[in-house]
Amino acid sequence: MAEAGTRTGIGESDEGQSKPMDRRSRRTRAMLQNALVKLLETKPLNKISVMELTRLADVNRATF
């Protein structure tokens, strides 16, 4: 279990319990996941930047 005040993953609260995501959040997450899969076809994970990922996913960098 994570220490209080730390996040353990997307869609998790501080207590580690999942909270429901709204439709927009699910869509954004899916777009980021799809973009990551596409990028991984051409380069290793450690060579992929957040800017590159968000640009391909058409998501604002601040969202990440």
N, C-alpha and C. Protein backbone atom coordinates (compact mmCIF):
# COMPACT_ATOMS: atom_id res chain seq x y z
N MET A 1 0.83 -1.18 0.00
CA MET A 1 0.00 0.00 0.00
C MET A 1 0.88 1.25 0.00
N ALA A 2 0.46 2.26 -0.72
CA ALA A 2 1.24 3.49 -0.84
C ALA A 2 1.04 4.35 0.41
N GLU A 3 2.01 5.22 0.64
CA GLU A 3 1.90 6.14 1.76
C GLU A 3 0.78 7.12 1.49
N ALA A 4 0.21 7.66 2.56
CA ALA A 4 -0.87 8.64 2.42
C ALA A 4 -0.38 9.82 1.59
N GLY A 5 -1.23 10.28 0.69
CA GLY A 5 -0.90 11.42 -0.13
C GLY A 5 -0.15 11.08 -1.41
N THR A 6 0.13 9.81 -1.67
CA THR A 6 0.80 9.43 -2.91
C THR A 6 -0.17 8.74 -3.83
N ARG A 7 0.03 8.93 -5.08
CA ARG A 7 -0.83 8.28 -6.07
C ARG A 7 -0.16 7.00 -6.52
N THR A 8 -0.98 5.97 -6.72
CA THR A 8 -0.43 4.69 -7.13
C THR A 8 -0.75 4.35 -8.57
N GLY A 9 -1.64 5.09 -9.20
CA GLY A 9 -1.96 4.81 -10.59
C GLY A 9 -3.10 5.69 -11.07
N ILE A 10 -3.35 5.66 -12.36
CA ILE A 10 -4.42 6.45 -12.95
C ILE A 10 -5.75 5.92 -12.45
N GLY A 11 -6.61 6.83 -12.00
CA GLY A 11 -7.94 6.45 -11.56
C GLY A 11 -7.98 5.90 -10.15
N GLU A 12 -6.91 6.08 -9.39
CA GLU A 12 -6.90 5.60 -8.01
C GLU A 12 -6.83 6.78 -7.06
N SER A 13 -7.51 6.64 -5.94
CA SER A 13 -7.45 7.67 -4.92
C SER A 13 -6.24 7.43 -4.03
N ASP A 14 -6.03 8.31 -3.07
CA ASP A 14 -4.91 8.16 -2.15
C ASP A 14 -4.99 6.87 -1.36
N GLU A 15 -6.18 6.37 -1.13
CA GLU A 15 -6.35 5.14 -0.37
C GLU A 15 -6.20 3.91 -1.25
N GLY A 16 -5.95 4.08 -2.54
CA GLY A 16 -5.77 2.95 -3.44
C GLY A 16 -7.06 2.40 -3.98
N GLN A 17 -8.17 3.02 -3.66
CA GLN A 17 -9.45 2.56 -4.15
C GLN A 17 -9.73 3.20 -5.50
N SER A 18 -10.26 2.42 -6.42
CA SER A 18 -10.59 2.95 -7.74
C SER A 18 -11.79 3.86 -7.63
N LYS A 19 -11.77 4.93 -8.40
CA LYS A 19 -12.94 5.79 -8.49
C LYS A 19 -13.40 5.78 -9.94
N PRO A 20 -14.69 5.87 -10.17
CA PRO A 20 -15.19 5.80 -11.55
C PRO A 20 -14.69 6.98 -12.38
N MET A 21 -14.32 6.70 -13.63
CA MET A 21 -13.87 7.75 -14.53
C MET A 21 -15.04 8.17 -15.40
N ASP A 22 -15.12 9.46 -15.69
CA ASP A 22 -16.18 9.92 -16.56
C ASP A 22 -15.82 9.60 -18.02
N ARG A 23 -16.77 9.80 -18.88
CA ARG A 23 -16.61 9.45 -20.30
C ARG A 23 -15.41 10.16 -20.93
N ARG A 24 -15.23 11.43 -20.61
CA ARG A 24 -14.12 12.19 -21.19
C ARG A 24 -12.77 11.63 -20.74
N SER A 25 -12.68 11.27 -19.47
CA SER A 25 -11.44 10.70 -18.93
C SER A 25 -11.13 9.36 -19.58
N ARG A 26 -12.16 8.54 -19.77
CA ARG A 26 -11.96 7.23 -20.42
C ARG A 26 -11.50 7.42 -21.85
N ARG A 27 -12.07 8.40 -22.54
CA ARG A 27 -11.70 8.67 -23.93
C ARG A 27 -10.25 9.13 -24.01
N THR A 28 -9.87 10.06 -23.14
CA THR A 28 -8.50 10.56 -23.12
C THR A 28 -7.51 9.44 -22.83
N ARG A 29 -7.84 8.62 -21.86
CA ARG A 29 -6.96 7.51 -21.50
C ARG A 29 -6.81 6.55 -22.67
N ALA A 30 -7.90 6.25 -23.36
CA ALA A 30 -7.85 5.35 -24.51
C ALA A 30 -7.00 5.95 -25.63
N MET A 31 -7.13 7.25 -25.86
CA MET A 31 -6.34 7.91 -26.90
C MET A 31 -4.85 7.85 -26.57
N LEU A 32 -4.51 8.06 -25.29
CA LEU A 32 -3.11 7.97 -24.87
C LEU A 32 -2.58 6.55 -25.01
N GLN A 33 -3.39 5.58 -24.63
CA GLN A 33 -2.97 4.18 -24.74
C GLN A 33 -2.75 3.79 -26.20
N ASN A 34 -3.67 4.18 -27.07
CA ASN A 34 -3.54 3.86 -28.49
C ASN A 34 -2.29 4.52 -29.09
N ALA A 35 -2.05 5.76 -28.71
CA ALA A 35 -0.87 6.46 -29.21
C ALA A 35 0.40 5.78 -28.73
N LEU A 36 0.41 5.33 -27.48
CA LEU A 36 1.59 4.65 -26.96
C LEU A 36 1.86 3.35 -27.71
N VAL A 37 0.81 2.61 -27.98
CA VAL A 37 0.98 1.35 -28.73
C VAL A 37 1.58 1.64 -30.10
N LYS A 38 1.08 2.68 -30.78
CA LYS A 38 1.62 3.03 -32.10
C LYS A 38 3.09 3.42 -32.02
N LEU A 39 3.43 4.22 -31.03
CA LEU A 39 4.82 4.65 -30.88
C LEU A 39 5.74 3.48 -30.55
N LEU A 40 5.25 2.55 -29.75
CA LEU A 40 6.07 1.38 -29.37
C LEU A 40 6.37 0.47 -30.56
N GLU A 41 5.61 0.61 -31.63
CA GLU A 41 5.88 -0.16 -32.84
C GLU A 41 7.14 0.33 -33.54
N THR A 42 7.54 1.57 -33.26
CA THR A 42 8.67 2.15 -33.97
C THR A 42 9.88 2.47 -33.10
N LYS A 43 9.68 2.52 -31.77
CA LYS A 43 10.81 2.86 -30.89
C LYS A 43 10.60 2.31 -29.50
N PRO A 44 11.68 2.15 -28.74
CA PRO A 44 11.55 1.63 -27.37
C PRO A 44 10.93 2.68 -26.43
N LEU A 45 10.36 2.20 -25.36
CA LEU A 45 9.67 3.07 -24.40
C LEU A 45 10.56 4.20 -23.89
N ASN A 46 11.80 3.90 -23.61
CA ASN A 46 12.68 4.94 -23.05
C ASN A 46 13.05 6.03 -24.06
N LYS A 47 12.65 5.88 -25.29
CA LYS A 47 12.91 6.89 -26.32
C LYS A 47 11.64 7.69 -26.67
N ILE A 48 10.53 7.42 -25.99
CA ILE A 48 9.27 8.11 -26.26
C ILE A 48 9.09 9.23 -25.25
N SER A 49 8.87 10.43 -25.75
CA SER A 49 8.68 11.57 -24.85
C SER A 49 7.19 11.80 -24.61
N VAL A 50 6.90 12.46 -23.51
CA VAL A 50 5.52 12.80 -23.18
C VAL A 50 4.96 13.72 -24.27
N MET A 51 5.76 14.65 -24.73
CA MET A 51 5.31 15.57 -25.77
C MET A 51 4.91 14.80 -27.04
N GLU A 52 5.74 13.85 -27.41
CA GLU A 52 5.48 13.03 -28.59
C GLU A 52 4.17 12.24 -28.42
N LEU A 53 4.01 11.65 -27.24
CA LEU A 53 2.83 10.85 -26.94
C LEU A 53 1.56 11.70 -26.97
N THR A 54 1.59 12.84 -26.31
CA THR A 54 0.39 13.68 -26.26
C THR A 54 0.07 14.28 -27.62
N ARG A 55 1.10 14.59 -28.39
CA ARG A 55 0.87 15.13 -29.74
C ARG A 55 0.15 14.10 -30.61
N LEU A 56 0.64 12.86 -30.59
CA LEU A 56 0.03 11.80 -31.40
C LEU A 56 -1.39 11.50 -30.92
N ALA A 57 -1.61 11.56 -29.61
CA ALA A 57 -2.93 11.28 -29.05
C ALA A 57 -3.88 12.47 -29.21
N ASP A 58 -3.36 13.61 -29.65
CA ASP A 58 -4.13 14.85 -29.77
C ASP A 58 -4.73 15.25 -28.43
N VAL A 59 -3.87 15.20 -27.41
CA VAL A 59 -4.24 15.54 -26.04
C VAL A 59 -3.31 16.65 -25.58
N ASN A 60 -3.83 17.62 -24.86
CA ASN A 60 -3.00 18.71 -24.35
C ASN A 60 -1.95 18.17 -23.39
N ARG A 61 -0.75 18.68 -23.48
CA ARG A 61 0.36 18.22 -22.63
C ARG A 61 0.02 18.37 -21.14
N ALA A 62 -0.70 19.39 -20.78
CA ALA A 62 -1.08 19.62 -19.38
C ALA A 62 -2.00 18.52 -18.85
N THR A 63 -2.69 17.84 -19.74
CA THR A 63 -3.57 16.74 -19.34
C THR A 63 -2.77 15.59 -18.78
N PHE A 64 -1.58 15.39 -19.31
CA PHE A 64 -0.73 14.29 -18.88
C PHE A 64 -0.17 14.61 -17.52
